[in-house]
Amino acid sequence: MHIAGKAGMAIGEVPATQQNMFVDSSIRQAFAKLTTEEKLKALPILAEQLIAVNGGAERELPRLLQLHGFQYAENRFVPIGLLDQREAQHLPASAASELATAISRLADGKESAAITSACGAVDLVASSAYDKYGLGKLPNSFQTRVNVVMEKLKVYEEIKQELTAIGIKLDDARKIADEMRETIKHAANALEVIRRTQADAHGTKPAYRRLSYEVVKWALAICGLLDGKV
């Protein structure tokens, strides 16, 4: 019997193959249509069958569960907040709301919509910084907005100072700050290109699922650096 069928999901909504079941958007969408009670019944079956078909999936299981709004705790599957509150407290409020939407859309199999929301979160904090600190006209370039805000607000300089304050050698602190600057630049540039080529507010445009998950994480990193500043 098909894995999805064993889990109580409509077989007609999913392809015949059992391989990479969580990667296929039709299976994710079928799972998303289940009620919470049905999901809780389906999850143990899906997890067991997935691991049986693909032994390497066991290492991926916690991340896959998180994407669908669940975690495995005390020998049972339980729903979790789509954006962990421990993580949300380190983000600007406007960004936290938009990123929660991104994760929700990702869990529903709407990757392109998730990209839209994740990039929207970065847009929100960058625009807020431009307004709050009088940084001038907002550039059209997504990457430029992020880079200007980070430099004008001296984010990397603060990181270096905070590191030296806790005993990190100046050369090491400078190296960390410089690497973070380059990382954020590359992340912002990637987000700009990905949004242009794969984002869609309705979630109907084809998008690479693994990449869309990383987009959310990159957006979390960028927004997190601006917590307390916007």
C-alpha atoms as a PDB file:
ATOM      1  CA  MET A   1       0.000   0.000   0.000  1.00  0.00           C
ATOM      2  CA  HIS A   2       1.185   3.529  -0.760  1.00  0.00           C
ATOM      3  CA  ILE A   3       2.726   5.339   2.228  1.00  0.00           C
ATOM      4  CA  ALA A   4       0.259   8.199   1.914  1.00  0.00           C
ATOM      5  CA  GLY A   5      -2.646   5.768   1.858  1.00  0.00           C
ATOM      6  CA  LYS A   6      -1.468   4.155   5.074  1.00  0.00           C
ATOM      7  CA  ALA A   7      -1.421   7.597   6.669  1.00  0.00           C
ATOM      8  CA  GLY A   8      -5.014   8.306   5.669  1.00  0.00           C
ATOM      9  CA  MET A   9      -4.155  10.746   2.871  1.00  0.00           C
ATOM     10  CA  ALA A  10      -6.100  10.666  -0.388  1.00  0.00           C
ATOM     11  CA  ILE A  11      -3.987   8.588  -2.774  1.00  0.00           C
ATOM     12  CA  GLY A  12      -5.432  10.393  -5.760  1.00  0.00           C
ATOM     13  CA  GLU A  13      -3.792  13.600  -4.588  1.00  0.00           C
ATOM     14  CA  VAL A  14      -0.256  12.215  -4.594  1.00  0.00           C
ATOM     15  CA  PRO A  15       2.066  10.546  -7.107  1.00  0.00           C
ATOM     16  CA  ALA A  16       2.621   6.804  -7.199  1.00  0.00           C
ATOM     17  CA  THR A  17       6.252   6.971  -6.084  1.00  0.00           C
ATOM     18  CA  GLN A  18       7.220   6.585  -2.441  1.00  0.00           C
ATOM     19  CA  GLN A  19      10.561   8.319  -2.846  1.00  0.00           C
ATOM     20  CA  ASN A  20      11.258  11.692  -1.218  1.00  0.00           C
ATOM     21  CA  MET A  21       7.672  11.983  -0.089  1.00  0.00           C
ATOM     22  CA  PHE A  22       8.089  15.208   1.867  1.00  0.00           C
ATOM     23  CA  VAL A  23       9.886  16.803  -1.050  1.00  0.00           C
ATOM     24  CA  ASP A  24       6.928  16.399  -3.377  1.00  0.00           C
ATOM     25  CA  SER A  25       4.594  19.368  -3.045  1.00  0.00           C
ATOM     26  CA  SER A  26       1.456  17.331  -3.815  1.00  0.00           C
ATOM     27  CA  ILE A  27       2.058  15.133  -0.776  1.00  0.00           C
ATOM     28  CA  ARG A  28       2.785  18.157   1.430  1.00  0.00           C
ATOM     29  CA  GLN A  29      -0.406  19.810   0.236  1.00  0.00           C
ATOM     30  CA  ALA A  30      -2.405  16.650   0.892  1.00  0.00           C
ATOM     31  CA  PHE A  31      -0.979  16.545   4.419  1.00  0.00           C
ATOM     32  CA  ALA A  32      -1.810  20.218   4.913  1.00  0.00           C
ATOM     33  CA  LYS A  33      -5.472  19.511   4.146  1.00  0.00           C
ATOM     34  CA  LEU A  34      -5.768  17.096   7.076  1.00  0.00           C
ATOM     35  CA  THR A  35      -7.223  18.304  10.357  1.00  0.00           C
ATOM     36  CA  THR A  36      -4.895  18.547  13.357  1.00  0.00           C
ATOM     37  CA  GLU A  37      -6.357  15.315  14.727  1.00  0.00           C
ATOM     38  CA  GLU A  38      -5.816  13.559  11.413  1.00  0.00           C
ATOM     39  CA  LYS A  39      -2.254  14.891  11.212  1.00  0.00           C
ATOM     40  CA  LEU A  40      -1.472  13.524  14.677  1.00  0.00           C
ATOM     41  CA  LYS A  41      -2.714  10.109  13.552  1.00  0.00           C
ATOM     42  CA  ALA A  42      -0.829  10.285  10.260  1.00  0.00           C
ATOM     43  CA  LEU A  43       2.529  11.482  11.595  1.00  0.00           C
ATOM     44  CA  PRO A  44       3.669   8.245  13.322  1.00  0.00           C
ATOM     45  CA  ILE A  45       2.803   6.269  10.189  1.00  0.00           C
ATOM     46  CA  LEU A  46       4.524   8.719   7.876  1.00  0.00           C
ATOM     47  CA  ALA A  47       7.630   8.873  10.080  1.00  0.00           C
ATOM     48  CA  GLU A  48       7.898   5.085  10.371  1.00  0.00           C
ATOM     49  CA  GLN A  49       7.343   4.494   6.663  1.00  0.00           C
ATOM     50  CA  LEU A  50       9.671   7.308   5.608  1.00  0.00           C
ATOM     51  CA  ILE A  51      12.518   5.940   7.706  1.00  0.00           C
ATOM     52  CA  ALA A  52      11.841   2.413   6.413  1.00  0.00           C
ATOM     53  CA  VAL A  53      12.013   3.590   2.788  1.00  0.00           C
ATOM     54  CA  ASN A  54      14.869   6.038   3.310  1.00  0.00           C
ATOM     55  CA  GLY A  55      17.086   5.306   6.311  1.00  0.00           C
ATOM     56  CA  GLY A  56      18.800   8.685   6.029  1.00  0.00           C
ATOM     57  CA  ALA A  57      15.473  10.419   6.598  1.00  0.00           C
ATOM     58  CA  GLU A  58      15.745   9.829  10.358  1.00  0.00           C
ATOM     59  CA  ARG A  59      18.296  12.625  10.633  1.00  0.00           C
ATOM     60  CA  GLU A  60      16.006  14.935   8.665  1.00  0.00           C
ATOM     61  CA  LEU A  61      12.875  14.091  10.651  1.00  0.00           C
ATOM     62  CA  PRO A  62      13.085  16.871  13.299  1.00  0.00           C
ATOM     63  CA  ARG A  63      13.458  19.538  10.615  1.00  0.00           C
ATOM     64  CA  LEU A  64      10.657  18.056   8.521  1.00  0.00           C
ATOM     65  CA  LEU A  65       8.366  17.949  11.544  1.00  0.00           C
ATOM     66  CA  GLN A  66       9.179  21.553  12.392  1.00  0.00           C
ATOM     67  CA  LEU A  67       8.317  22.664   8.878  1.00  0.00           C
ATOM     68  CA  HIS A  68       4.869  21.151   9.321  1.00  0.00           C
ATOM     69  CA  GLY A  69       4.277  22.660  12.762  1.00  0.00           C
ATOM     70  CA  PHE A  70       5.023  19.619  14.940  1.00  0.00           C
ATOM     71  CA  GLN A  71       7.711  18.224  17.203  1.00  0.00           C
ATOM     72  CA  TYR A  72       8.343  14.857  18.818  1.00  0.00           C
ATOM     73  CA  ALA A  73       8.400  15.191  22.611  1.00  0.00           C
ATOM     74  CA  GLU A  74       7.812  12.734  25.428  1.00  0.00           C
ATOM     75  CA  ASN A  75       7.177   9.897  22.983  1.00  0.00           C
ATOM     76  CA  ARG A  76       4.425  11.689  21.082  1.00  0.00           C
ATOM     77  CA  PHE A  77       3.900  14.180  18.291  1.00  0.00           C
ATOM     78  CA  VAL A  78       2.675  17.585  19.413  1.00  0.00           C
ATOM     79  CA  PRO A  79       1.880  20.823  17.547  1.00  0.00           C
ATOM     80  CA  ILE A  80       4.290  23.718  18.082  1.00  0.00           C
ATOM     81  CA  GLY A  81       4.157  27.427  17.367  1.00  0.00           C
ATOM     82  CA  LEU A  82       5.102  28.024  13.739  1.00  0.00           C
ATOM     83  CA  LEU A  83       7.724  30.507  14.887  1.00  0.00           C
ATOM     84  CA  ASP A  84       9.316  29.439  18.158  1.00  0.00           C
ATOM     85  CA  GLN A  85       8.726  32.170  20.737  1.00  0.00           C
ATOM     86  CA  ARG A  86      12.284  31.748  21.957  1.00  0.00           C
ATOM     87  CA  GLU A  87      13.373  32.753  18.480  1.00  0.00           C
ATOM     88  CA  ALA A  88      10.724  35.450  18.024  1.00  0.00           C
ATOM     89  CA  GLN A  89      11.948  37.386  21.057  1.00  0.00           C
ATOM     90  CA  HIS A  90      15.203  38.099  19.223  1.00  0.00           C
ATOM     91  CA  LEU A  91      13.443  39.636  16.220  1.00  0.00           C
ATOM     92  CA  PRO A  92      11.784  42.978  15.515  1.00  0.00           C
ATOM     93  CA  ALA A  93       8.030  42.508  16.103  1.00  0.00           C
ATOM     94  CA  SER A  94       7.042  43.286  12.508  1.00  0.00           C
ATOM     95  CA  ALA A  95       9.571  40.808  11.177  1.00  0.00           C
ATOM     96  CA  ALA A  96       8.458  38.071  13.580  1.00  0.00           C
ATOM     97  CA  SER A  97       4.898  38.268  12.308  1.00  0.00           C
ATOM     98  CA  GLU A  98       5.919  38.146   8.659  1.00  0.00           C
ATOM     99  CA  LEU A  99       8.405  35.316   9.238  1.00  0.00           C
ATOM    100  CA  ALA A 100       5.749  33.291  11.058  1.00  0.00           C
ATOM    101  CA  THR A 101       3.627  33.691   7.938  1.00  0.00           C
ATOM    102  CA  ALA A 102       6.556  32.526   5.811  1.00  0.00           C
ATOM    103  CA  ILE A 103       6.998  29.375   7.871  1.00  0.00           C
ATOM    104  CA  SER A 104       3.256  28.709   7.800  1.00  0.00           C
ATOM    105  CA  ARG A 105       3.217  28.996   4.014  1.00  0.00           C
ATOM    106  CA  LEU A 106       6.230  26.734   3.767  1.00  0.00           C
ATOM    107  CA  ALA A 107       4.459  24.117   5.879  1.00  0.00           C
ATOM    108  CA  ASP A 108       1.440  24.351   3.558  1.00  0.00           C
ATOM    109  CA  GLY A 109       3.593  23.601   0.521  1.00  0.00           C
ATOM    110  CA  LYS A 110       3.442  27.180  -0.804  1.00  0.00           C
ATOM    111  CA  GLU A 111       7.166  27.732  -1.268  1.00  0.00           C
ATOM    112  CA  SER A 112       6.967  30.772  -3.519  1.00  0.00           C
ATOM    113  CA  ALA A 113       4.596  32.498  -1.075  1.00  0.00           C
ATOM    114  CA  ALA A 114       6.990  31.657   1.770  1.00  0.00           C
ATOM    115  CA  ILE A 115       9.789  33.380  -0.147  1.00  0.00           C
ATOM    116  CA  THR A 116       7.571  36.436  -0.607  1.00  0.00           C
ATOM    117  CA  SER A 117       6.860  36.664   3.124  1.00  0.00           C
ATOM    118  CA  ALA A 118      10.456  36.053   4.187  1.00  0.00           C
ATOM    119  CA  CYS A 119      11.771  38.751   1.876  1.00  0.00           C
ATOM    120  CA  GLY A 120       8.898  40.959   2.992  1.00  0.00           C
ATOM    121  CA  ALA A 121      10.116  40.693   6.574  1.00  0.00           C
ATOM    122  CA  VAL A 122      13.536  41.979   5.563  1.00  0.00           C
ATOM    123  CA  ASP A 123      11.895  44.748   3.560  1.00  0.00           C
ATOM    124  CA  LEU A 124       9.871  45.797   6.590  1.00  0.00           C
ATOM    125  CA  VAL A 125      12.850  46.160   8.923  1.00  0.00           C
ATOM    126  CA  ALA A 126      14.995  47.867   6.266  1.00  0.00           C
ATOM    127  CA  SER A 127      12.233  50.364   5.455  1.00  0.00           C
ATOM    128  CA  SER A 128      11.655  51.017   9.148  1.00  0.00           C
ATOM    129  CA  ALA A 129      15.354  51.728   9.613  1.00  0.00           C
ATOM    130  CA  TYR A 130      15.372  54.153   6.688  1.00  0.00           C
ATOM    131  CA  ASP A 131      12.418  56.020   8.204  1.00  0.00           C
ATOM    132  CA  LYS A 132      13.616  55.950  11.798  1.00  0.00           C
ATOM    133  CA  TYR A 133      17.184  57.053  11.127  1.00  0.00           C
ATOM    134  CA  GLY A 134      16.564  59.350   8.149  1.00  0.00           C
ATOM    135  CA  LEU A 135      18.728  57.362   5.763  1.00  0.00           C
ATOM    136  CA  GLY A 136      17.276  59.045   2.692  1.00  0.00           C
ATOM    137  CA  LYS A 137      15.403  57.676  -0.279  1.00  0.00           C
ATOM    138  CA  LEU A 138      14.808  53.931  -0.134  1.00  0.00           C
ATOM    139  CA  PRO A 139      16.889  52.250  -2.898  1.00  0.00           C
ATOM    140  CA  ASN A 140      15.192  49.966  -5.392  1.00  0.00           C
ATOM    141  CA  SER A 141      17.830  47.313  -4.803  1.00  0.00           C
ATOM    142  CA  PHE A 142      16.932  44.885  -2.010  1.00  0.00           C
ATOM    143  CA  GLN A 143      20.605  44.149  -1.359  1.00  0.00           C
ATOM    144  CA  THR A 144      21.520  47.834  -1.188  1.00  0.00           C
ATOM    145  CA  ARG A 145      18.815  48.508   1.401  1.00  0.00           C
ATOM    146  CA  VAL A 146      20.172  45.812   3.681  1.00  0.00           C
ATOM    147  CA  ASN A 147      23.814  46.780   3.249  1.00  0.00           C
ATOM    148  CA  VAL A 148      23.193  50.496   3.831  1.00  0.00           C
ATOM    149  CA  VAL A 149      21.172  49.834   6.980  1.00  0.00           C
ATOM    150  CA  MET A 150      23.813  47.494   8.398  1.00  0.00           C
ATOM    151  CA  GLU A 151      26.616  49.987   7.760  1.00  0.00           C
ATOM    152  CA  LYS A 152      24.776  53.143   8.841  1.00  0.00           C
ATOM    153  CA  LEU A 153      23.624  51.521  12.071  1.00  0.00           C
ATOM    154  CA  LYS A 154      27.176  50.210  12.640  1.00  0.00           C
ATOM    155  CA  VAL A 155      25.891  46.696  13.263  1.00  0.00           C
ATOM    156  CA  TYR A 156      29.217  44.999  12.561  1.00  0.00           C
ATOM    157  CA  GLU A 157      31.169  47.527  14.593  1.00  0.00           C
ATOM    158  CA  GLU A 158      28.911  46.793  17.551  1.00  0.00           C
ATOM    159  CA  ILE A 159      29.455  43.065  17.091  1.00  0.00           C
ATOM    160  CA  LYS A 160      33.223  43.592  17.185  1.00  0.00           C
ATOM    161  CA  GLN A 161      32.966  45.750  20.312  1.00  0.00           C
ATOM    162  CA  GLU A 162      30.679  43.291  22.086  1.00  0.00           C
ATOM    163  CA  LEU A 163      33.022  40.429  21.298  1.00  0.00           C
ATOM    164  CA  THR A 164      36.081  42.231  22.643  1.00  0.00           C
ATOM    165  CA  ALA A 165      34.067  43.182  25.737  1.00  0.00           C
ATOM    166  CA  ILE A 166      33.680  39.497  26.616  1.00  0.00           C
ATOM    167  CA  GLY A 167      37.384  38.780  26.156  1.00  0.00           C
ATOM    168  CA  ILE A 168      37.654  37.851  22.485  1.00  0.00           C
ATOM    169  CA  LYS A 169      40.952  38.989  20.970  1.00  0.00           C
ATOM    170  CA  LEU A 170      40.603  42.071  18.771  1.00  0.00           C
ATOM    171  CA  ASP A 171      41.922  40.306  15.659  1.00  0.00           C
ATOM    172  CA  ASP A 172      39.447  37.466  16.129  1.00  0.00           C
ATOM    173  CA  ALA A 173      36.575  39.847  16.843  1.00  0.00           C
ATOM    174  CA  ARG A 174      37.410  41.820  13.720  1.00  0.00           C
ATOM    175  CA  LYS A 175      37.563  38.613  11.674  1.00  0.00           C
ATOM    176  CA  ILE A 176      34.154  37.479  12.929  1.00  0.00           C
ATOM    177  CA  ALA A 177      32.577  40.874  12.205  1.00  0.00           C
ATOM    178  CA  ASP A 178      34.109  40.997   8.734  1.00  0.00           C
ATOM    179  CA  GLU A 179      32.923  37.492   7.892  1.00  0.00           C
ATOM    180  CA  MET A 180      29.429  38.348   9.099  1.00  0.00           C
ATOM    181  CA  ARG A 181      29.420  41.450   6.912  1.00  0.00           C
ATOM    182  CA  GLU A 182      30.314  39.384   3.844  1.00  0.00           C
ATOM    183  CA  THR A 183      27.822  36.669   4.758  1.00  0.00           C
ATOM    184  CA  ILE A 184      24.948  39.140   5.091  1.00  0.00           C
ATOM    185  CA  LYS A 185      25.924  40.824   1.825  1.00  0.00           C
ATOM    186  CA  HIS A 186      25.813  37.501   0.000  1.00  0.00           C
ATOM    187  CA  ALA A 187      22.573  36.483   1.720  1.00  0.00           C
ATOM    188  CA  ALA A 188      20.898  39.775   0.779  1.00  0.00           C
ATOM    189  CA  ASN A 189      22.059  39.415  -2.807  1.00  0.00           C
ATOM    190  CA  ALA A 190      20.756  35.848  -2.966  1.00  0.00           C
ATOM    191  CA  LEU A 191      17.396  36.922  -1.513  1.00  0.00           C
ATOM    192  CA  GLU A 192      17.095  39.649  -4.135  1.00  0.00           C
ATOM    193  CA  VAL A 193      17.652  37.206  -6.999  1.00  0.00           C
ATOM    194  CA  ILE A 194      15.474  34.471  -5.483  1.00  0.00           C
ATOM    195  CA  ARG A 195      12.603  36.874  -4.871  1.00  0.00           C
ATOM    196  CA  ARG A 196      12.801  38.120  -8.450  1.00  0.00           C
ATOM    197  CA  THR A 197      12.801  34.616  -9.927  1.00  0.00           C
ATOM    198  CA  GLN A 198      10.704  32.519  -7.531  1.00  0.00           C
ATOM    199  CA  ALA A 199       8.547  34.670  -5.248  1.00  0.00           C
ATOM    200  CA  ASP A 200       4.763  34.705  -5.660  1.00  0.00           C
ATOM    201  CA  ALA A 201       2.282  36.006  -3.082  1.00  0.00           C
ATOM    202  CA  HIS A 202      -0.254  33.310  -4.011  1.00  0.00           C
ATOM    203  CA  GLY A 203       2.187  30.407  -3.747  1.00  0.00           C
ATOM    204  CA  THR A 204       1.464  29.090  -7.249  1.00  0.00           C
ATOM    205  CA  LYS A 205       4.819  29.835  -8.883  1.00  0.00           C
ATOM    206  CA  PRO A 206       7.275  26.891  -8.935  1.00  0.00           C
ATOM    207  CA  ALA A 207      10.026  27.176  -6.327  1.00  0.00           C
ATOM    208  CA  TYR A 208      12.804  24.949  -5.035  1.00  0.00           C
ATOM    209  CA  ARG A 209      11.653  23.758  -1.598  1.00  0.00           C
ATOM    210  CA  ARG A 210      15.057  23.322   0.025  1.00  0.00           C
ATOM    211  CA  LEU A 211      16.065  26.786  -1.118  1.00  0.00           C
ATOM    212  CA  SER A 212      12.849  28.342   0.165  1.00  0.00           C
ATOM    213  CA  TYR A 213      13.595  26.933   3.618  1.00  0.00           C
ATOM    214  CA  GLU A 214      17.039  28.531   3.522  1.00  0.00           C
ATOM    215  CA  VAL A 215      15.499  31.836   2.417  1.00  0.00           C
ATOM    216  CA  VAL A 216      13.490  31.917   5.645  1.00  0.00           C
ATOM    217  CA  LYS A 217      16.618  31.245   7.693  1.00  0.00           C
ATOM    218  CA  TRP A 218      18.605  33.942   5.900  1.00  0.00           C
ATOM    219  CA  ALA A 219      15.785  36.398   6.516  1.00  0.00           C
ATOM    220  CA  LEU A 220      15.767  35.410  10.193  1.00  0.00           C
ATOM    221  CA  ALA A 221      19.500  36.108  10.407  1.00  0.00           C
ATOM    222  CA  ILE A 222      19.252  39.524   8.763  1.00  0.00           C
ATOM    223  CA  CYS A 223      16.266  40.631  10.805  1.00  0.00           C
ATOM    224  CA  GLY A 224      17.800  39.308  14.015  1.00  0.00           C
ATOM    225  CA  LEU A 225      20.799  41.599  13.621  1.00  0.00           C
ATOM    226  CA  LEU A 226      18.425  44.579  13.654  1.00  0.00           C
ATOM    227  CA  ASP A 227      16.515  43.607  16.767  1.00  0.00           C
ATOM    228  CA  GLY A 228      16.288  46.543  19.145  1.00  0.00           C
ATOM    229  CA  LYS A 229      17.160  49.017  16.396  1.00  0.00           C
ATOM    230  CA  VAL A 230      13.871  49.250  14.486  1.00  0.00           C
END
